[in-house]
Every structure is written in structure tokens, then in C-alpha cells.
Amino acid sequence: MSLSSINEWFLSLGAQYGVNPYIFGAIYVGAIPFFLASIGWLVKRKRAGLSIVLPVLSAGFFFISAYLYLAIAGRNIPLWVWVMLAALVVYGAWSTIRDVRNKIAAAGDKAGGVE
């Protein structure tokens, strides 16, 4: 199997469902730094006792941005794909919330020990 045939197969998946896999991948990878920046912003505001609504919305948007592209541009997406994406989003949200809580708690422990 050549690289060319793999590329053709990959692009045929996108054509079948109305999305460009390269655009999906670019959005997915391109959103990572913005997602991480949003999480940093969230942690910083939480430590300062400020509202975290905007950073949470920002992180959430960047977390699902590639799937938004799929939902808007895609057609005839099988149900199993939506089920898998929902599972990934739920797991990712749970994991992110857990990690953010741990970072905030760790920062509170460090700050509490310094007087």
C-alpha cells in the first residue's frame, strides 16, 4: 500500500461525509495552543478568586471546535461516529476538569505554605 493510495483513501472518507480531513485535522491540532491558553487563563482567574465563565467557555469552544466543523460541514455522518465523539468529549471534559482542579489545589497548597 503506497502513501498515495493511503492519501486517496483518507480523502475519500472526507468526500463521503462532506468534510475535508485535512481541514478537520488542522482545526483539531490548531486549537490545542488556544485550549491550553484558555486552561491557563482559567486557573489564573480561579486562583485570583475571579469569575471563570469566559475561560471555561473559551476552553470548551476550542475543545470542540473540530467537531463543530464536522457538525456544520458534515453530512450523512453515521450514528456510531456521533456516539464515539460524545464519549470522547465527555471523557475529555471529565479529565480536563479533574486536571484543572488538581492544578488549582496544588497552587493553593504552595501559596498556603508561603507567608
N, C-alpha and C. Protein backbone atom coordinates (compact mmCIF):
# COMPACT_ATOMS: atom_id res chain seq x y z
N MET A 1 0.86 -1.17 0.00
CA MET A 1 0.00 0.00 0.00
C MET A 1 0.91 1.24 0.00
N SER A 2 0.72 2.09 -0.98
CA SER A 2 1.57 3.26 -1.12
C SER A 2 0.99 4.46 -0.37
N LEU A 3 1.83 5.45 -0.16
CA LEU A 3 1.39 6.68 0.50
C LEU A 3 0.29 7.36 -0.31
N SER A 4 0.39 7.28 -1.62
CA SER A 4 -0.63 7.88 -2.48
C SER A 4 -1.99 7.21 -2.30
N SER A 5 -2.00 5.89 -2.20
CA SER A 5 -3.28 5.18 -2.03
C SER A 5 -3.87 5.44 -0.64
N ILE A 6 -3.01 5.58 0.35
CA ILE A 6 -3.49 5.92 1.70
C ILE A 6 -4.12 7.31 1.69
N ASN A 7 -3.45 8.25 1.03
CA ASN A 7 -3.97 9.61 0.93
C ASN A 7 -5.32 9.64 0.20
N GLU A 8 -5.43 8.87 -0.87
CA GLU A 8 -6.70 8.81 -1.61
C GLU A 8 -7.81 8.24 -0.74
N TRP A 9 -7.50 7.17 -0.01
CA TRP A 9 -8.49 6.56 0.89
C TRP A 9 -8.92 7.57 1.96
N PHE A 10 -7.94 8.27 2.54
CA PHE A 10 -8.20 9.25 3.59
C PHE A 10 -9.11 10.35 3.08
N LEU A 11 -8.81 10.87 1.90
CA LEU A 11 -9.63 11.93 1.32
C LEU A 11 -11.01 11.42 0.90
N SER A 12 -11.12 10.16 0.51
CA SER A 12 -12.43 9.61 0.14
C SER A 12 -13.37 9.56 1.33
N LEU A 13 -12.82 9.35 2.52
CA LEU A 13 -13.65 9.37 3.72
C LEU A 13 -14.28 10.74 3.90
N GLY A 14 -13.48 11.78 3.69
CA GLY A 14 -14.00 13.14 3.80
C GLY A 14 -15.04 13.45 2.75
N ALA A 15 -14.81 13.00 1.52
CA ALA A 15 -15.77 13.25 0.44
C ALA A 15 -17.09 12.55 0.73
N GLN A 16 -17.00 11.36 1.28
CA GLN A 16 -18.21 10.60 1.60
C GLN A 16 -19.08 11.32 2.61
N TYR A 17 -18.45 12.04 3.54
CA TYR A 17 -19.19 12.71 4.62
C TYR A 17 -19.21 14.23 4.50
N GLY A 18 -18.65 14.78 3.43
CA GLY A 18 -18.73 16.21 3.18
C GLY A 18 -17.75 17.05 3.97
N VAL A 19 -16.70 16.45 4.49
CA VAL A 19 -15.69 17.21 5.22
C VAL A 19 -14.31 16.93 4.62
N ASN A 20 -13.44 17.89 4.77
CA ASN A 20 -12.06 17.71 4.34
C ASN A 20 -11.26 17.26 5.56
N PRO A 21 -10.71 16.04 5.53
CA PRO A 21 -9.98 15.54 6.70
C PRO A 21 -8.79 16.43 7.08
N TYR A 22 -8.19 17.08 6.11
CA TYR A 22 -7.05 17.95 6.42
C TYR A 22 -7.51 19.21 7.15
N ILE A 23 -8.67 19.74 6.77
CA ILE A 23 -9.21 20.90 7.49
C ILE A 23 -9.59 20.48 8.91
N PHE A 24 -10.24 19.32 9.04
CA PHE A 24 -10.59 18.81 10.36
C PHE A 24 -9.33 18.67 11.22
N GLY A 25 -8.31 18.05 10.66
CA GLY A 25 -7.05 17.87 11.40
C GLY A 25 -6.38 19.18 11.76
N ALA A 26 -6.41 20.13 10.83
CA ALA A 26 -5.80 21.45 11.09
C ALA A 26 -6.54 22.17 12.22
N ILE A 27 -7.86 22.09 12.21
CA ILE A 27 -8.63 22.71 13.29
C ILE A 27 -8.33 22.01 14.61
N TYR A 28 -8.31 20.68 14.57
CA TYR A 28 -8.06 19.88 15.78
C TYR A 28 -6.71 20.22 16.40
N VAL A 29 -5.66 20.20 15.58
CA VAL A 29 -4.30 20.47 16.08
C VAL A 29 -4.12 21.96 16.35
N GLY A 30 -4.67 22.80 15.49
CA GLY A 30 -4.51 24.25 15.64
C GLY A 30 -5.19 24.80 16.88
N ALA A 31 -6.21 24.12 17.36
CA ALA A 31 -6.93 24.59 18.55
C ALA A 31 -6.20 24.26 19.85
N ILE A 32 -5.25 23.35 19.81
CA ILE A 32 -4.57 22.91 21.03
C ILE A 32 -3.92 24.05 21.80
N PRO A 33 -3.11 24.92 21.16
CA PRO A 33 -2.49 26.00 21.93
C PRO A 33 -3.52 26.96 22.54
N PHE A 34 -4.62 27.20 21.81
CA PHE A 34 -5.66 28.08 22.32
C PHE A 34 -6.41 27.43 23.49
N PHE A 35 -6.61 26.12 23.40
CA PHE A 35 -7.23 25.39 24.51
C PHE A 35 -6.34 25.46 25.74
N LEU A 36 -5.06 25.20 25.57
CA LEU A 36 -4.13 25.24 26.71
C LEU A 36 -4.03 26.65 27.30
N ALA A 37 -4.04 27.65 26.45
CA ALA A 37 -4.01 29.04 26.94
C ALA A 37 -5.28 29.35 27.72
N SER A 38 -6.41 28.84 27.26
CA SER A 38 -7.68 29.05 27.98
C SER A 38 -7.65 28.38 29.35
N ILE A 39 -7.06 27.19 29.41
CA ILE A 39 -6.95 26.49 30.69
C ILE A 39 -6.03 27.27 31.64
N GLY A 40 -4.93 27.79 31.11
CA GLY A 40 -4.05 28.62 31.93
C GLY A 40 -4.76 29.86 32.44
N TRP A 41 -5.53 30.48 31.58
CA TRP A 41 -6.32 31.66 31.95
C TRP A 41 -7.32 31.29 33.03
N LEU A 42 -7.98 30.14 32.87
CA LEU A 42 -8.96 29.67 33.84
C LEU A 42 -8.32 29.47 35.22
N VAL A 43 -7.19 28.77 35.25
CA VAL A 43 -6.50 28.51 36.51
C VAL A 43 -6.08 29.82 37.18
N LYS A 44 -5.53 30.73 36.39
CA LYS A 44 -5.08 32.02 36.92
C LYS A 44 -6.24 32.80 37.53
N ARG A 45 -7.37 32.84 36.84
CA ARG A 45 -8.54 33.58 37.35
C ARG A 45 -9.13 32.90 38.58
N LYS A 46 -9.14 31.57 38.59
CA LYS A 46 -9.69 30.85 39.74
C LYS A 46 -8.82 31.09 40.98
N ARG A 47 -7.50 31.07 40.80
CA ARG A 47 -6.58 31.34 41.92
C ARG A 47 -6.80 32.75 42.47
N ALA A 48 -7.11 33.69 41.58
CA ALA A 48 -7.31 35.07 41.98
C ALA A 48 -8.72 35.31 42.52
N GLY A 49 -9.56 34.28 42.50
CA GLY A 49 -10.92 34.43 43.01
C GLY A 49 -11.85 35.18 42.06
N LEU A 50 -11.49 35.22 40.78
CA LEU A 50 -12.30 35.92 39.78
C LEU A 50 -13.20 34.93 39.03
N SER A 51 -14.15 35.46 38.30
CA SER A 51 -15.06 34.63 37.52
C SER A 51 -14.30 33.83 36.47
N ILE A 52 -14.68 32.57 36.33
CA ILE A 52 -14.03 31.71 35.32
C ILE A 52 -14.96 31.39 34.15
N VAL A 53 -16.07 32.11 34.04
CA VAL A 53 -17.05 31.82 32.99
C VAL A 53 -16.42 31.97 31.60
N LEU A 54 -15.79 33.06 31.31
CA LEU A 54 -15.21 33.27 29.97
C LEU A 54 -14.10 32.26 29.66
N PRO A 55 -13.18 32.00 30.57
CA PRO A 55 -12.17 30.99 30.25
C PRO A 55 -12.76 29.59 30.04
N VAL A 56 -13.80 29.25 30.79
CA VAL A 56 -14.44 27.95 30.61
C VAL A 56 -15.10 27.88 29.23
N LEU A 57 -15.80 28.94 28.84
CA LEU A 57 -16.43 28.98 27.52
C LEU A 57 -15.38 28.91 26.41
N SER A 58 -14.30 29.63 26.60
CA SER A 58 -13.22 29.63 25.62
C SER A 58 -12.60 28.23 25.50
N ALA A 59 -12.28 27.62 26.62
CA ALA A 59 -11.70 26.27 26.60
C ALA A 59 -12.67 25.29 25.96
N GLY A 60 -13.93 25.39 26.30
CA GLY A 60 -14.93 24.50 25.73
C GLY A 60 -15.05 24.65 24.23
N PHE A 61 -15.03 25.89 23.76
CA PHE A 61 -15.11 26.13 22.32
C PHE A 61 -13.93 25.50 21.59
N PHE A 62 -12.73 25.74 22.09
CA PHE A 62 -11.55 25.19 21.42
C PHE A 62 -11.49 23.67 21.53
N PHE A 63 -12.03 23.13 22.62
CA PHE A 63 -12.05 21.68 22.81
C PHE A 63 -12.94 21.00 21.77
N ILE A 64 -14.06 21.63 21.40
CA ILE A 64 -14.99 21.00 20.45
C ILE A 64 -14.95 21.62 19.06
N SER A 65 -14.02 22.52 18.79
CA SER A 65 -14.02 23.26 17.53
C SER A 65 -13.97 22.35 16.30
N ALA A 66 -13.15 21.31 16.31
CA ALA A 66 -13.08 20.42 15.15
C ALA A 66 -14.40 19.68 14.97
N TYR A 67 -15.04 19.32 16.07
CA TYR A 67 -16.32 18.62 15.99
C TYR A 67 -17.44 19.57 15.53
N LEU A 68 -17.30 20.84 15.84
CA LEU A 68 -18.25 21.83 15.31
C LEU A 68 -18.15 21.89 13.79
N TYR A 69 -16.91 21.86 13.29
CA TYR A 69 -16.71 21.82 11.84
C TYR A 69 -17.39 20.59 11.25
N LEU A 70 -17.21 19.45 11.89
CA LEU A 70 -17.85 18.22 11.43
C LEU A 70 -19.37 18.34 11.44
N ALA A 71 -19.91 18.93 12.49
CA ALA A 71 -21.37 19.07 12.62
C ALA A 71 -21.93 20.03 11.57
N ILE A 72 -21.18 21.09 11.25
CA ILE A 72 -21.66 22.09 10.30
C ILE A 72 -21.45 21.63 8.85
N ALA A 73 -20.26 21.13 8.54
CA ALA A 73 -19.93 20.79 7.16
C ALA A 73 -20.31 19.36 6.80
N GLY A 74 -20.38 18.49 7.78
CA GLY A 74 -20.61 17.07 7.51
C GLY A 74 -22.04 16.75 7.12
N ARG A 75 -22.17 15.64 6.41
CA ARG A 75 -23.50 15.13 6.06
C ARG A 75 -23.43 13.61 6.08
N ASN A 76 -24.55 13.02 6.43
CA ASN A 76 -24.66 11.56 6.49
C ASN A 76 -23.63 10.93 7.42
N ILE A 77 -23.33 11.62 8.51
CA ILE A 77 -22.39 11.09 9.49
C ILE A 77 -23.11 9.95 10.23
N PRO A 78 -22.50 8.76 10.27
CA PRO A 78 -23.15 7.64 10.95
C PRO A 78 -23.34 7.90 12.45
N LEU A 79 -24.37 7.30 13.01
CA LEU A 79 -24.66 7.47 14.42
C LEU A 79 -23.50 7.04 15.30
N TRP A 80 -22.79 5.97 14.93
CA TRP A 80 -21.69 5.49 15.76
C TRP A 80 -20.58 6.55 15.89
N VAL A 81 -20.41 7.37 14.85
CA VAL A 81 -19.40 8.44 14.92
C VAL A 81 -19.81 9.45 15.99
N TRP A 82 -21.09 9.83 16.00
CA TRP A 82 -21.57 10.80 17.00
C TRP A 82 -21.47 10.23 18.40
N VAL A 83 -21.76 8.92 18.55
CA VAL A 83 -21.65 8.28 19.86
C VAL A 83 -20.19 8.29 20.33
N MET A 84 -19.28 7.95 19.45
CA MET A 84 -17.85 7.95 19.81
C MET A 84 -17.38 9.37 20.14
N LEU A 85 -17.80 10.35 19.35
CA LEU A 85 -17.41 11.74 19.62
C LEU A 85 -17.97 12.22 20.95
N ALA A 86 -19.22 11.85 21.23
CA ALA A 86 -19.81 12.23 22.52
C ALA A 86 -19.03 11.61 23.66
N ALA A 87 -18.65 10.35 23.52
CA ALA A 87 -17.85 9.69 24.56
C ALA A 87 -16.50 10.37 24.73
N LEU A 88 -15.86 10.74 23.63
CA LEU A 88 -14.58 11.44 23.71
C LEU A 88 -14.71 12.80 24.37
N VAL A 89 -15.76 13.53 24.04
CA VAL A 89 -15.97 14.85 24.62
C VAL A 89 -16.25 14.73 26.12
N VAL A 90 -17.09 13.78 26.50
CA VAL A 90 -17.40 13.59 27.93
C VAL A 90 -16.14 13.19 28.70
N TYR A 91 -15.38 12.23 28.16
CA TYR A 91 -14.15 11.83 28.84
C TYR A 91 -13.15 12.98 28.90
N GLY A 92 -13.00 13.70 27.80
CA GLY A 92 -12.07 14.83 27.77
C GLY A 92 -12.47 15.92 28.74
N ALA A 93 -13.76 16.21 28.83
CA ALA A 93 -14.24 17.22 29.78
C ALA A 93 -13.97 16.77 31.21
N TRP A 94 -14.29 15.52 31.52
CA TRP A 94 -14.04 14.99 32.87
C TRP A 94 -12.56 15.05 33.21
N SER A 95 -11.72 14.63 32.28
CA SER A 95 -10.27 14.63 32.50
C SER A 95 -9.74 16.05 32.69
N THR A 96 -10.22 16.98 31.88
CA THR A 96 -9.77 18.36 31.98
C THR A 96 -10.21 18.98 33.30
N ILE A 97 -11.46 18.75 33.69
CA ILE A 97 -11.95 19.28 34.97
C ILE A 97 -11.12 18.74 36.13
N ARG A 98 -10.83 17.45 36.11
CA ARG A 98 -10.01 16.82 37.15
C ARG A 98 -8.62 17.46 37.20
N ASP A 99 -7.99 17.62 36.04
CA ASP A 99 -6.65 18.19 35.99
C ASP A 99 -6.63 19.64 36.44
N VAL A 100 -7.63 20.42 36.04
CA VAL A 100 -7.69 21.83 36.45
C VAL A 100 -7.89 21.92 37.97
N ARG A 101 -8.76 21.09 38.51
CA ARG A 101 -8.96 21.09 39.96
C ARG A 101 -7.67 20.74 40.69
N ASN A 102 -6.93 19.77 40.18
CA ASN A 102 -5.66 19.39 40.79
C ASN A 102 -4.65 20.53 40.72
N LYS A 103 -4.60 21.23 39.60
CA LYS A 103 -3.66 22.36 39.45
C LYS A 103 -4.03 23.49 40.41
N ILE A 104 -5.32 23.75 40.53
CA ILE A 104 -5.76 24.82 41.44
C ILE A 104 -5.45 24.43 42.88
N ALA A 105 -5.71 23.17 43.23
CA ALA A 105 -5.43 22.71 44.60
C ALA A 105 -3.94 22.75 44.89
N ALA A 106 -3.12 22.33 43.92
CA ALA A 106 -1.67 22.35 44.11
C ALA A 106 -1.16 23.78 44.26
N ALA A 107 -1.73 24.70 43.50
CA ALA A 107 -1.31 26.10 43.61
C ALA A 107 -1.73 26.67 44.96
N GLY A 108 -2.90 26.24 45.46
CA GLY A 108 -3.35 26.70 46.77
C GLY A 108 -2.47 26.18 47.89
N ASP A 109 -2.00 24.93 47.76
CA ASP A 109 -1.10 24.36 48.76
C ASP A 109 0.23 25.10 48.79
N LYS A 110 0.75 25.44 47.62
CA LYS A 110 2.03 26.16 47.54
C LYS A 110 1.88 27.56 48.11
N ALA A 111 0.79 28.22 47.76
CA ALA A 111 0.57 29.59 48.24
C ALA A 111 0.31 29.60 49.74
N GLY A 112 -0.36 28.56 50.25
CA GLY A 112 -0.67 28.50 51.68
C GLY A 112 0.55 28.30 52.54
N GLY A 113 1.59 27.68 51.99
CA GLY A 113 2.79 27.42 52.77
C GLY A 113 3.76 28.58 52.82
N VAL A 114 3.55 29.60 52.00
CA VAL A 114 4.45 30.75 51.95
C VAL A 114 3.79 31.92 52.67
N GLU A 115 4.47 32.45 53.65
CA GLU A 115 3.91 33.58 54.39
C GLU A 115 4.88 34.72 54.44
